[in-house]
N, C-alpha and C. Protein backbone atom coordinates (compact mmCIF):
# COMPACT_ATOMS: atom_id res chain seq x y z
N MET A 1 9.27 22.28 -11.81
CA MET A 1 9.34 21.00 -12.50
C MET A 1 8.03 20.72 -13.22
N ALA A 2 8.10 20.17 -14.42
CA ALA A 2 6.90 19.94 -15.23
C ALA A 2 5.97 18.94 -14.57
N GLU A 3 4.67 19.21 -14.77
CA GLU A 3 3.66 18.29 -14.25
C GLU A 3 3.64 17.01 -15.09
N HIS A 4 3.42 15.90 -14.43
CA HIS A 4 3.29 14.63 -15.14
C HIS A 4 1.81 14.32 -15.30
N PRO A 5 1.45 13.56 -16.32
CA PRO A 5 0.04 13.19 -16.47
C PRO A 5 -0.42 12.39 -15.27
N PRO A 6 -1.71 12.50 -14.92
CA PRO A 6 -2.22 11.75 -13.75
C PRO A 6 -2.10 10.26 -13.98
N LEU A 7 -2.04 9.52 -12.88
CA LEU A 7 -1.97 8.07 -12.95
C LEU A 7 -3.33 7.53 -13.40
N VAL A 8 -3.32 6.80 -14.49
CA VAL A 8 -4.55 6.21 -15.04
C VAL A 8 -4.52 4.71 -14.73
N TYR A 9 -5.57 4.23 -14.08
CA TYR A 9 -5.59 2.84 -13.64
C TYR A 9 -6.30 1.93 -14.63
N THR A 10 -5.77 0.72 -14.74
CA THR A 10 -6.49 -0.40 -15.35
C THR A 10 -6.69 -1.42 -14.24
N LEU A 11 -7.92 -1.55 -13.77
CA LEU A 11 -8.20 -2.40 -12.61
C LEU A 11 -8.63 -3.79 -13.05
N ARG A 12 -7.93 -4.80 -12.52
CA ARG A 12 -8.32 -6.20 -12.73
C ARG A 12 -8.70 -6.79 -11.38
N GLU A 13 -9.88 -7.39 -11.33
CA GLU A 13 -10.38 -7.94 -10.08
C GLU A 13 -10.46 -9.46 -10.16
N TYR A 14 -10.09 -10.10 -9.07
CA TYR A 14 -10.08 -11.56 -8.99
C TYR A 14 -10.78 -12.00 -7.71
N ASP A 15 -11.40 -13.17 -7.77
CA ASP A 15 -11.97 -13.75 -6.56
C ASP A 15 -10.87 -14.28 -5.65
N SER A 16 -9.91 -15.00 -6.24
CA SER A 16 -8.85 -15.60 -5.43
C SER A 16 -7.57 -15.68 -6.26
N VAL A 17 -6.44 -15.31 -5.64
CA VAL A 17 -5.14 -15.38 -6.31
C VAL A 17 -4.13 -15.89 -5.29
N ALA A 18 -2.99 -16.32 -5.78
CA ALA A 18 -1.91 -16.64 -4.86
C ALA A 18 -1.40 -15.36 -4.21
N SER A 19 -1.07 -14.37 -5.04
CA SER A 19 -0.55 -13.10 -4.54
C SER A 19 -0.81 -12.02 -5.59
N THR A 20 -1.41 -10.92 -5.19
CA THR A 20 -1.63 -9.83 -6.13
C THR A 20 -0.30 -9.24 -6.61
N ASN A 21 0.70 -9.19 -5.74
CA ASN A 21 2.01 -8.69 -6.16
C ASN A 21 2.61 -9.55 -7.25
N ASP A 22 2.46 -10.86 -7.13
CA ASP A 22 3.04 -11.76 -8.13
C ASP A 22 2.41 -11.55 -9.50
N ILE A 23 1.09 -11.37 -9.52
CA ILE A 23 0.42 -11.12 -10.80
C ILE A 23 0.92 -9.81 -11.41
N ALA A 24 1.00 -8.77 -10.59
CA ALA A 24 1.45 -7.48 -11.10
C ALA A 24 2.88 -7.55 -11.61
N LYS A 25 3.75 -8.29 -10.91
CA LYS A 25 5.15 -8.40 -11.37
C LYS A 25 5.23 -9.15 -12.69
N THR A 26 4.46 -10.21 -12.83
CA THR A 26 4.46 -10.96 -14.08
C THR A 26 4.00 -10.07 -15.24
N GLU A 27 2.96 -9.30 -15.01
CA GLU A 27 2.46 -8.40 -16.04
C GLU A 27 3.48 -7.30 -16.35
N ALA A 28 4.19 -6.85 -15.33
CA ALA A 28 5.19 -5.79 -15.53
C ALA A 28 6.31 -6.28 -16.44
N VAL A 29 6.78 -7.50 -16.19
CA VAL A 29 7.85 -8.07 -17.00
C VAL A 29 7.40 -8.20 -18.46
N GLN A 30 6.12 -8.42 -18.66
CA GLN A 30 5.58 -8.58 -20.01
C GLN A 30 5.22 -7.24 -20.65
N GLY A 31 5.53 -6.14 -19.94
CA GLY A 31 5.37 -4.83 -20.55
C GLY A 31 4.10 -4.09 -20.20
N ALA A 32 3.38 -4.52 -19.18
CA ALA A 32 2.14 -3.83 -18.80
C ALA A 32 2.45 -2.38 -18.43
N PRO A 33 1.55 -1.47 -18.73
CA PRO A 33 1.80 -0.05 -18.45
C PRO A 33 1.60 0.28 -16.99
N GLU A 34 2.18 1.40 -16.60
CA GLU A 34 1.99 1.94 -15.26
C GLU A 34 0.49 2.12 -15.00
N GLY A 35 0.09 1.84 -13.77
CA GLY A 35 -1.31 2.00 -13.41
C GLY A 35 -2.10 0.72 -13.38
N LEU A 36 -1.50 -0.39 -13.82
CA LEU A 36 -2.18 -1.68 -13.68
C LEU A 36 -2.41 -1.94 -12.19
N ALA A 37 -3.66 -2.22 -11.83
CA ALA A 37 -4.01 -2.48 -10.43
C ALA A 37 -4.67 -3.84 -10.33
N ILE A 38 -4.17 -4.66 -9.41
CA ILE A 38 -4.69 -6.01 -9.19
C ILE A 38 -5.36 -6.03 -7.83
N LEU A 39 -6.65 -6.36 -7.82
CA LEU A 39 -7.44 -6.40 -6.58
C LEU A 39 -8.06 -7.77 -6.45
N ALA A 40 -7.91 -8.39 -5.29
CA ALA A 40 -8.46 -9.73 -5.06
C ALA A 40 -9.30 -9.77 -3.80
N ARG A 41 -10.31 -10.64 -3.81
CA ARG A 41 -11.11 -10.85 -2.60
C ARG A 41 -10.38 -11.74 -1.61
N ARG A 42 -9.42 -12.51 -2.12
CA ARG A 42 -8.70 -13.44 -1.26
C ARG A 42 -7.32 -13.68 -1.84
N GLN A 43 -6.32 -13.89 -0.98
CA GLN A 43 -4.99 -14.32 -1.40
C GLN A 43 -4.65 -15.64 -0.72
N GLU A 44 -4.13 -16.56 -1.50
CA GLU A 44 -3.71 -17.84 -0.93
C GLU A 44 -2.35 -17.71 -0.25
N ARG A 45 -1.49 -16.87 -0.82
CA ARG A 45 -0.13 -16.73 -0.28
C ARG A 45 0.24 -15.25 -0.19
N GLY A 46 -0.62 -14.49 0.46
CA GLY A 46 -0.31 -13.09 0.69
C GLY A 46 0.93 -12.97 1.57
N ARG A 47 1.73 -11.95 1.32
CA ARG A 47 2.97 -11.83 2.10
C ARG A 47 3.28 -10.37 2.41
N GLY A 48 4.07 -10.21 3.46
CA GLY A 48 4.58 -8.90 3.82
C GLY A 48 6.08 -8.87 3.65
N ARG A 49 6.72 -7.96 4.35
CA ARG A 49 8.17 -7.86 4.25
C ARG A 49 8.85 -9.11 4.77
N GLN A 50 10.01 -9.40 4.20
CA GLN A 50 10.86 -10.52 4.61
C GLN A 50 10.11 -11.85 4.56
N GLY A 51 9.16 -11.95 3.63
CA GLY A 51 8.45 -13.21 3.42
C GLY A 51 7.42 -13.55 4.46
N ARG A 52 7.10 -12.62 5.36
CA ARG A 52 6.09 -12.91 6.38
C ARG A 52 4.73 -13.09 5.72
N VAL A 53 3.90 -13.89 6.35
CA VAL A 53 2.55 -14.16 5.84
C VAL A 53 1.64 -12.98 6.12
N TRP A 54 0.85 -12.58 5.11
CA TRP A 54 -0.21 -11.60 5.32
C TRP A 54 -1.53 -12.34 5.16
N LEU A 55 -2.25 -12.52 6.28
CA LEU A 55 -3.51 -13.25 6.24
C LEU A 55 -4.51 -12.49 5.37
N SER A 56 -5.12 -13.20 4.43
CA SER A 56 -5.99 -12.56 3.44
C SER A 56 -7.30 -13.30 3.30
N PRO A 57 -8.12 -13.37 4.36
CA PRO A 57 -9.38 -14.12 4.28
C PRO A 57 -10.34 -13.47 3.29
N GLU A 58 -11.14 -14.28 2.65
CA GLU A 58 -12.01 -13.82 1.57
C GLU A 58 -12.97 -12.73 2.02
N GLY A 59 -12.95 -11.62 1.29
CA GLY A 59 -13.91 -10.55 1.52
C GLY A 59 -13.69 -9.75 2.78
N GLN A 60 -12.58 -9.97 3.48
CA GLN A 60 -12.37 -9.32 4.76
C GLN A 60 -11.44 -8.11 4.71
N GLY A 61 -10.71 -7.98 3.60
CA GLY A 61 -9.73 -6.89 3.55
C GLY A 61 -9.48 -6.42 2.13
N VAL A 62 -8.65 -5.40 2.03
CA VAL A 62 -8.18 -4.91 0.74
C VAL A 62 -6.85 -5.60 0.44
N TYR A 63 -6.79 -6.29 -0.69
CA TYR A 63 -5.57 -6.95 -1.15
C TYR A 63 -5.30 -6.39 -2.54
N LEU A 64 -4.42 -5.41 -2.61
CA LEU A 64 -4.30 -4.57 -3.79
C LEU A 64 -2.83 -4.36 -4.14
N SER A 65 -2.51 -4.49 -5.42
CA SER A 65 -1.15 -4.20 -5.90
C SER A 65 -1.25 -3.29 -7.12
N VAL A 66 -0.37 -2.31 -7.19
CA VAL A 66 -0.36 -1.34 -8.29
C VAL A 66 1.03 -1.31 -8.91
N LEU A 67 1.07 -1.34 -10.23
CA LEU A 67 2.33 -1.26 -10.96
C LEU A 67 2.68 0.20 -11.23
N LEU A 68 3.89 0.58 -10.83
CA LEU A 68 4.39 1.93 -11.07
C LEU A 68 5.66 1.84 -11.91
N ARG A 69 5.83 2.82 -12.78
CA ARG A 69 7.06 2.95 -13.58
C ARG A 69 7.58 4.37 -13.40
N PRO A 70 8.17 4.66 -12.23
CA PRO A 70 8.53 6.05 -11.91
C PRO A 70 9.78 6.57 -12.60
N ALA A 71 10.61 5.68 -13.17
CA ALA A 71 11.86 6.10 -13.83
C ALA A 71 12.70 6.99 -12.92
N ILE A 72 12.90 6.53 -11.70
CA ILE A 72 13.72 7.28 -10.73
C ILE A 72 15.01 6.51 -10.48
N PRO A 73 16.05 7.21 -9.99
CA PRO A 73 17.28 6.51 -9.63
C PRO A 73 17.02 5.47 -8.55
N ALA A 74 17.81 4.42 -8.55
CA ALA A 74 17.63 3.36 -7.57
C ALA A 74 17.71 3.88 -6.14
N TYR A 75 18.55 4.91 -5.92
CA TYR A 75 18.70 5.40 -4.55
C TYR A 75 17.45 6.13 -4.05
N GLU A 76 16.49 6.40 -4.93
CA GLU A 76 15.23 7.02 -4.51
C GLU A 76 14.11 6.00 -4.33
N ALA A 77 14.41 4.73 -4.47
CA ALA A 77 13.36 3.70 -4.40
C ALA A 77 12.64 3.70 -3.06
N ASN A 78 13.34 4.11 -2.00
CA ASN A 78 12.70 4.11 -0.68
C ASN A 78 11.49 5.03 -0.62
N TRP A 79 11.46 6.03 -1.49
CA TRP A 79 10.31 6.92 -1.53
C TRP A 79 9.02 6.17 -1.85
N LEU A 80 9.12 5.06 -2.54
CA LEU A 80 7.91 4.34 -2.93
C LEU A 80 7.16 3.79 -1.72
N GLY A 81 7.90 3.40 -0.68
CA GLY A 81 7.26 2.98 0.56
C GLY A 81 6.54 4.13 1.23
N VAL A 82 7.14 5.31 1.18
CA VAL A 82 6.49 6.51 1.74
C VAL A 82 5.20 6.79 0.99
N ILE A 83 5.27 6.75 -0.34
CA ILE A 83 4.09 7.01 -1.17
C ILE A 83 2.95 6.05 -0.81
N GLY A 84 3.27 4.76 -0.70
CA GLY A 84 2.24 3.78 -0.38
C GLY A 84 1.64 3.99 0.99
N ALA A 85 2.48 4.24 1.98
CA ALA A 85 1.98 4.42 3.34
C ALA A 85 1.12 5.67 3.47
N LEU A 86 1.56 6.77 2.87
CA LEU A 86 0.77 8.00 2.93
C LEU A 86 -0.55 7.83 2.19
N ALA A 87 -0.54 7.13 1.07
CA ALA A 87 -1.77 6.91 0.32
C ALA A 87 -2.78 6.10 1.12
N VAL A 88 -2.31 5.03 1.75
CA VAL A 88 -3.22 4.19 2.55
C VAL A 88 -3.74 4.97 3.76
N ALA A 89 -2.87 5.70 4.44
CA ALA A 89 -3.31 6.49 5.59
C ALA A 89 -4.36 7.51 5.18
N GLY A 90 -4.12 8.17 4.04
CA GLY A 90 -5.09 9.15 3.56
C GLY A 90 -6.44 8.53 3.25
N ALA A 91 -6.42 7.35 2.64
CA ALA A 91 -7.67 6.66 2.31
C ALA A 91 -8.42 6.22 3.57
N LEU A 92 -7.68 5.72 4.54
CA LEU A 92 -8.32 5.29 5.79
C LEU A 92 -8.94 6.48 6.52
N GLU A 93 -8.25 7.61 6.51
CA GLU A 93 -8.82 8.80 7.14
C GLU A 93 -10.09 9.23 6.41
N GLN A 94 -10.08 9.18 5.10
CA GLN A 94 -11.26 9.55 4.33
C GLN A 94 -12.42 8.61 4.64
N ALA A 95 -12.11 7.35 4.92
CA ALA A 95 -13.16 6.38 5.27
C ALA A 95 -13.69 6.57 6.68
N GLY A 96 -12.95 7.32 7.50
CA GLY A 96 -13.40 7.60 8.86
C GLY A 96 -12.56 7.02 9.96
N VAL A 97 -11.48 6.32 9.63
CA VAL A 97 -10.59 5.76 10.65
C VAL A 97 -9.69 6.87 11.19
N GLY A 98 -9.62 6.99 12.50
CA GLY A 98 -8.83 8.06 13.11
C GLY A 98 -7.62 7.57 13.86
N ASP A 99 -6.85 8.50 14.41
CA ASP A 99 -5.67 8.23 15.22
C ASP A 99 -4.68 7.33 14.48
N LEU A 100 -4.36 7.73 13.24
CA LEU A 100 -3.48 6.94 12.40
C LEU A 100 -2.04 7.43 12.49
N THR A 101 -1.13 6.49 12.59
CA THR A 101 0.29 6.79 12.55
C THR A 101 0.96 5.76 11.63
N LEU A 102 2.19 6.06 11.26
CA LEU A 102 2.98 5.14 10.44
C LEU A 102 4.15 4.65 11.26
N LYS A 103 4.39 3.36 11.20
CA LYS A 103 5.51 2.75 11.92
C LYS A 103 6.57 2.34 10.91
N TRP A 104 7.75 2.93 11.05
CA TRP A 104 8.85 2.59 10.16
C TRP A 104 9.10 1.08 10.20
N PRO A 105 9.26 0.39 9.05
CA PRO A 105 9.28 0.99 7.72
C PRO A 105 7.99 0.90 6.92
N ASN A 106 7.01 0.06 7.32
CA ASN A 106 5.92 -0.16 6.36
C ASN A 106 4.55 -0.44 6.97
N ASP A 107 4.35 -0.10 8.22
CA ASP A 107 3.07 -0.40 8.87
C ASP A 107 2.23 0.86 9.03
N VAL A 108 0.92 0.71 8.85
CA VAL A 108 -0.03 1.76 9.17
C VAL A 108 -0.77 1.32 10.43
N LEU A 109 -0.77 2.18 11.43
CA LEU A 109 -1.36 1.85 12.72
C LEU A 109 -2.57 2.73 13.01
N ALA A 110 -3.57 2.14 13.65
CA ALA A 110 -4.72 2.88 14.17
C ALA A 110 -4.74 2.67 15.68
N ARG A 111 -4.63 3.75 16.41
CA ARG A 111 -4.52 3.68 17.88
C ARG A 111 -3.41 2.72 18.30
N GLY A 112 -2.33 2.73 17.54
CA GLY A 112 -1.16 1.94 17.89
C GLY A 112 -1.22 0.49 17.46
N ARG A 113 -2.27 0.09 16.77
CA ARG A 113 -2.40 -1.30 16.32
C ARG A 113 -2.36 -1.36 14.80
N LYS A 114 -1.75 -2.41 14.27
CA LYS A 114 -1.56 -2.51 12.83
C LYS A 114 -2.88 -2.74 12.11
N ILE A 115 -3.16 -1.84 11.16
CA ILE A 115 -4.36 -1.98 10.36
C ILE A 115 -4.02 -2.23 8.90
N ALA A 116 -2.79 -1.91 8.50
CA ALA A 116 -2.40 -2.09 7.10
C ALA A 116 -0.89 -2.24 6.99
N GLY A 117 -0.47 -2.86 5.89
CA GLY A 117 0.95 -3.03 5.61
C GLY A 117 1.24 -2.73 4.16
N ILE A 118 2.45 -2.30 3.89
CA ILE A 118 2.90 -1.93 2.55
C ILE A 118 4.06 -2.84 2.16
N LEU A 119 4.04 -3.33 0.93
CA LEU A 119 5.15 -4.14 0.42
C LEU A 119 5.54 -3.59 -0.95
N VAL A 120 6.76 -3.05 -1.05
CA VAL A 120 7.27 -2.52 -2.32
C VAL A 120 8.28 -3.50 -2.89
N GLU A 121 8.06 -3.91 -4.13
CA GLU A 121 8.99 -4.82 -4.80
C GLU A 121 9.43 -4.19 -6.12
N PRO A 122 10.61 -3.54 -6.12
CA PRO A 122 11.08 -2.88 -7.34
C PRO A 122 11.99 -3.78 -8.16
N ARG A 123 12.08 -3.47 -9.44
CA ARG A 123 13.11 -4.06 -10.29
C ARG A 123 14.08 -2.95 -10.66
N ILE A 124 15.36 -3.17 -10.35
CA ILE A 124 16.39 -2.19 -10.62
C ILE A 124 17.20 -2.62 -11.83
N GLU A 125 17.32 -1.74 -12.81
CA GLU A 125 18.14 -1.98 -13.99
C GLU A 125 18.99 -0.75 -14.26
N ALA A 126 20.30 -0.95 -14.38
CA ALA A 126 21.22 0.16 -14.69
C ALA A 126 21.02 1.31 -13.72
N GLU A 127 20.91 0.97 -12.42
CA GLU A 127 20.78 1.95 -11.34
C GLU A 127 19.53 2.81 -11.47
N THR A 128 18.51 2.28 -12.14
CA THR A 128 17.23 2.96 -12.28
C THR A 128 16.11 1.99 -11.92
N VAL A 129 15.05 2.51 -11.30
CA VAL A 129 13.88 1.68 -11.01
C VAL A 129 13.12 1.48 -12.32
N GLU A 130 13.26 0.30 -12.90
CA GLU A 130 12.55 -0.01 -14.15
C GLU A 130 11.05 -0.04 -13.90
N PHE A 131 10.66 -0.72 -12.82
CA PHE A 131 9.27 -0.70 -12.37
C PHE A 131 9.26 -1.09 -10.90
N ALA A 132 8.14 -0.83 -10.28
CA ALA A 132 7.95 -1.26 -8.89
C ALA A 132 6.50 -1.68 -8.72
N VAL A 133 6.30 -2.74 -7.97
CA VAL A 133 4.95 -3.17 -7.60
C VAL A 133 4.73 -2.74 -6.15
N LEU A 134 3.68 -1.98 -5.97
CA LEU A 134 3.32 -1.47 -4.65
C LEU A 134 2.14 -2.28 -4.13
N GLY A 135 2.41 -3.14 -3.16
CA GLY A 135 1.37 -3.98 -2.58
C GLY A 135 0.84 -3.37 -1.29
N MET A 136 -0.48 -3.40 -1.14
CA MET A 136 -1.13 -2.82 0.03
C MET A 136 -2.17 -3.78 0.58
N GLY A 137 -2.03 -4.14 1.84
CA GLY A 137 -3.00 -4.99 2.51
C GLY A 137 -3.63 -4.23 3.66
N ILE A 138 -4.96 -4.20 3.71
CA ILE A 138 -5.67 -3.45 4.75
C ILE A 138 -6.72 -4.34 5.39
N ASN A 139 -6.72 -4.38 6.70
CA ASN A 139 -7.74 -5.11 7.45
C ASN A 139 -9.01 -4.26 7.48
N VAL A 140 -10.11 -4.82 7.00
CA VAL A 140 -11.34 -4.03 6.87
C VAL A 140 -12.46 -4.56 7.75
N MET A 141 -12.83 -5.83 7.59
CA MET A 141 -14.05 -6.33 8.23
C MET A 141 -13.79 -7.36 9.32
N GLN A 142 -12.54 -7.60 9.66
CA GLN A 142 -12.22 -8.62 10.65
C GLN A 142 -12.67 -8.20 12.05
N ASP A 143 -13.03 -9.20 12.86
CA ASP A 143 -13.18 -8.97 14.29
C ASP A 143 -12.04 -9.69 15.01
N ARG A 144 -12.00 -9.58 16.30
CA ARG A 144 -10.83 -10.08 17.04
C ARG A 144 -10.61 -11.57 16.86
N THR A 145 -11.67 -12.33 16.61
CA THR A 145 -11.53 -13.79 16.51
C THR A 145 -10.80 -14.22 15.24
N GLU A 146 -10.60 -13.28 14.29
CA GLU A 146 -9.92 -13.63 13.04
C GLU A 146 -8.43 -13.92 13.26
N TRP A 147 -7.87 -13.43 14.37
CA TRP A 147 -6.43 -13.53 14.59
C TRP A 147 -6.10 -14.43 15.78
N ARG A 148 -4.88 -14.95 15.75
CA ARG A 148 -4.41 -15.72 16.90
C ARG A 148 -4.47 -14.84 18.15
N GLU A 149 -4.62 -15.51 19.29
CA GLU A 149 -4.78 -14.77 20.53
C GLU A 149 -3.59 -13.85 20.81
N ASP A 150 -2.38 -14.30 20.43
CA ASP A 150 -1.20 -13.48 20.73
C ASP A 150 -1.11 -12.24 19.84
N LEU A 151 -1.95 -12.17 18.79
CA LEU A 151 -1.93 -11.01 17.89
C LEU A 151 -3.06 -10.03 18.17
N ARG A 152 -4.02 -10.41 18.95
CA ARG A 152 -5.26 -9.63 19.06
C ARG A 152 -5.06 -8.25 19.64
N ASP A 153 -4.03 -8.04 20.43
CA ASP A 153 -3.76 -6.71 20.98
C ASP A 153 -2.80 -5.91 20.11
N LYS A 154 -2.39 -6.50 18.99
CA LYS A 154 -1.41 -5.84 18.11
C LYS A 154 -1.99 -5.42 16.78
N VAL A 155 -3.15 -5.96 16.42
CA VAL A 155 -3.73 -5.67 15.11
C VAL A 155 -5.16 -5.16 15.29
N THR A 156 -5.66 -4.53 14.23
CA THR A 156 -7.02 -4.01 14.27
C THR A 156 -7.56 -3.98 12.84
N SER A 157 -8.79 -3.54 12.69
CA SER A 157 -9.44 -3.45 11.38
C SER A 157 -10.32 -2.22 11.38
N CYS A 158 -10.82 -1.86 10.21
CA CYS A 158 -11.76 -0.74 10.14
C CYS A 158 -12.97 -1.01 11.03
N ARG A 159 -13.49 -2.23 10.98
CA ARG A 159 -14.66 -2.56 11.80
C ARG A 159 -14.36 -2.39 13.28
N LEU A 160 -13.21 -2.87 13.73
CA LEU A 160 -12.86 -2.74 15.14
C LEU A 160 -12.62 -1.29 15.53
N GLU A 161 -12.34 -0.44 14.54
CA GLU A 161 -12.19 0.99 14.81
C GLU A 161 -13.51 1.75 14.67
N GLY A 162 -14.60 0.99 14.52
CA GLY A 162 -15.92 1.61 14.47
C GLY A 162 -16.32 2.11 13.10
N VAL A 163 -15.60 1.69 12.06
CA VAL A 163 -15.89 2.13 10.69
C VAL A 163 -16.35 0.94 9.87
N GLU A 164 -17.58 1.01 9.38
CA GLU A 164 -18.12 -0.05 8.52
C GLU A 164 -17.97 0.39 7.07
N THR A 165 -17.21 -0.33 6.31
CA THR A 165 -17.02 -0.04 4.90
C THR A 165 -16.73 -1.34 4.17
N GLU A 166 -16.90 -1.32 2.87
CA GLU A 166 -16.64 -2.50 2.05
C GLU A 166 -15.22 -2.45 1.50
N PRO A 167 -14.53 -3.60 1.42
CA PRO A 167 -13.17 -3.59 0.90
C PRO A 167 -13.05 -2.94 -0.48
N ARG A 168 -14.01 -3.19 -1.36
CA ARG A 168 -13.90 -2.63 -2.70
C ARG A 168 -14.01 -1.11 -2.67
N ARG A 169 -14.89 -0.59 -1.84
CA ARG A 169 -15.00 0.87 -1.73
C ARG A 169 -13.70 1.46 -1.18
N LEU A 170 -13.14 0.82 -0.16
CA LEU A 170 -11.90 1.33 0.41
C LEU A 170 -10.77 1.24 -0.61
N ALA A 171 -10.75 0.19 -1.42
CA ALA A 171 -9.73 0.09 -2.46
C ALA A 171 -9.82 1.26 -3.42
N GLY A 172 -11.04 1.67 -3.73
CA GLY A 172 -11.22 2.84 -4.59
C GLY A 172 -10.65 4.10 -3.96
N LEU A 173 -10.85 4.27 -2.67
CA LEU A 173 -10.28 5.42 -1.96
C LEU A 173 -8.76 5.36 -1.97
N VAL A 174 -8.20 4.16 -1.83
CA VAL A 174 -6.75 4.01 -1.87
C VAL A 174 -6.21 4.43 -3.22
N LEU A 175 -6.85 4.00 -4.30
CA LEU A 175 -6.38 4.35 -5.63
C LEU A 175 -6.45 5.85 -5.86
N GLU A 176 -7.52 6.49 -5.40
CA GLU A 176 -7.62 7.94 -5.52
C GLU A 176 -6.51 8.64 -4.72
N SER A 177 -6.30 8.18 -3.51
CA SER A 177 -5.27 8.77 -2.65
C SER A 177 -3.88 8.56 -3.24
N LEU A 178 -3.63 7.36 -3.74
CA LEU A 178 -2.34 7.07 -4.35
C LEU A 178 -2.09 7.97 -5.56
N GLY A 179 -3.12 8.19 -6.35
CA GLY A 179 -2.97 9.06 -7.51
C GLY A 179 -2.51 10.45 -7.12
N ARG A 180 -3.08 10.99 -6.04
CA ARG A 180 -2.69 12.33 -5.59
C ARG A 180 -1.26 12.35 -5.06
N VAL A 181 -0.93 11.38 -4.21
CA VAL A 181 0.40 11.36 -3.61
C VAL A 181 1.48 11.15 -4.67
N TYR A 182 1.22 10.21 -5.57
CA TYR A 182 2.19 9.90 -6.61
C TYR A 182 2.40 11.08 -7.56
N ALA A 183 1.31 11.80 -7.85
CA ALA A 183 1.43 12.98 -8.71
C ALA A 183 2.34 14.01 -8.07
N GLY A 184 2.19 14.22 -6.76
CA GLY A 184 3.06 15.16 -6.07
C GLY A 184 4.51 14.74 -6.11
N PHE A 185 4.74 13.45 -5.94
CA PHE A 185 6.10 12.93 -5.98
C PHE A 185 6.70 13.12 -7.37
N ARG A 186 5.96 12.76 -8.39
CA ARG A 186 6.48 12.87 -9.75
C ARG A 186 6.75 14.33 -10.14
N ALA A 187 5.98 15.24 -9.56
CA ALA A 187 6.15 16.66 -9.86
C ALA A 187 7.27 17.30 -9.04
N GLY A 188 7.93 16.50 -8.20
CA GLY A 188 9.05 17.01 -7.43
C GLY A 188 8.68 17.62 -6.09
N ARG A 189 7.42 17.47 -5.68
CA ARG A 189 7.00 18.04 -4.40
C ARG A 189 7.28 17.05 -3.28
N ARG A 190 8.55 16.86 -3.01
CA ARG A 190 8.98 15.86 -2.03
C ARG A 190 8.87 16.37 -0.59
N GLN A 191 9.13 17.67 -0.39
CA GLN A 191 9.15 18.20 0.98
C GLN A 191 7.80 18.07 1.69
N PRO A 192 6.68 18.37 1.04
CA PRO A 192 5.40 18.15 1.73
C PRO A 192 5.18 16.68 2.10
N LEU A 193 5.61 15.77 1.24
CA LEU A 193 5.47 14.35 1.54
C LEU A 193 6.36 13.96 2.72
N LEU A 194 7.58 14.48 2.73
CA LEU A 194 8.48 14.17 3.82
C LEU A 194 7.97 14.74 5.14
N ARG A 195 7.36 15.93 5.09
CA ARG A 195 6.80 16.52 6.32
C ARG A 195 5.67 15.66 6.86
N GLU A 196 4.78 15.20 5.96
CA GLU A 196 3.68 14.35 6.42
C GLU A 196 4.21 13.03 6.96
N TRP A 197 5.20 12.45 6.26
CA TRP A 197 5.82 11.21 6.74
C TRP A 197 6.40 11.41 8.13
N SER A 198 7.09 12.53 8.33
CA SER A 198 7.73 12.80 9.62
C SER A 198 6.69 12.98 10.72
N LEU A 199 5.60 13.68 10.40
CA LEU A 199 4.55 13.88 11.40
C LEU A 199 3.91 12.56 11.80
N ARG A 200 3.76 11.66 10.84
CA ARG A 200 3.07 10.40 11.14
C ARG A 200 3.99 9.34 11.75
N THR A 201 5.30 9.47 11.51
CA THR A 201 6.24 8.46 12.02
C THR A 201 7.09 8.96 13.18
N GLY A 202 7.25 10.27 13.28
CA GLY A 202 8.16 10.81 14.28
C GLY A 202 9.61 10.75 13.85
N THR A 203 9.86 10.44 12.56
CA THR A 203 11.23 10.40 12.05
C THR A 203 11.24 10.88 10.61
N SER A 204 12.35 11.49 10.20
CA SER A 204 12.48 11.89 8.80
C SER A 204 13.24 10.84 7.99
N THR A 205 13.59 9.72 8.63
CA THR A 205 14.29 8.64 7.94
C THR A 205 13.34 7.90 7.01
N LEU A 206 13.77 7.70 5.79
CA LEU A 206 12.92 6.99 4.84
C LEU A 206 13.01 5.48 5.10
N PRO A 207 11.95 4.72 4.73
CA PRO A 207 11.97 3.27 4.98
C PRO A 207 13.02 2.58 4.14
N VAL A 208 13.48 1.45 4.63
CA VAL A 208 14.47 0.66 3.93
C VAL A 208 13.78 -0.47 3.18
N LEU A 209 14.00 -0.55 1.88
CA LEU A 209 13.46 -1.65 1.09
C LEU A 209 14.39 -2.85 1.19
N GLU A 210 13.84 -4.02 1.43
CA GLU A 210 14.65 -5.23 1.59
C GLU A 210 14.21 -6.28 0.59
């Protein structure tokens, strides 16, 4: 299968936004090209799957959304969640975070605790993915006091895993990792991605987009 050109990013950075995904979706509808990346220091209304809140305190995490235009059939949209999760896991490993696994359908875990989440929001037209916004939230600098007591044994951050890094630097690693994973997907190299997904999740079932 022919190679596709590498993903070229246009990065827009904000101090505070309601939601990076919302900005990327608005730009997508207006015709923004693939590779638009929205990065914020804070989100007022960050969200995860099924409308759950994603806490986004200023300067404490990576709050990043990337616009993709993969031109794939709608039935392949679930692959986008795999791409996002593998990209984030690869970036975290490069930063020094270890013992990473993926929890179906969209969580990245470090030592069994959630360190990142993926939110894919596609637009389907004529049974084709017209575009998709890939949202990625990563806990970077939080300590245990950042979360409610009932969550403290369920979540973690790079800092709590003994890795000191800046959110902006980690966002750069995510974009590099995403570029590699997405290039493999576009080139038809699905089996290596599925093998890595299976190793990290313990299942070959692809995530369900809701």
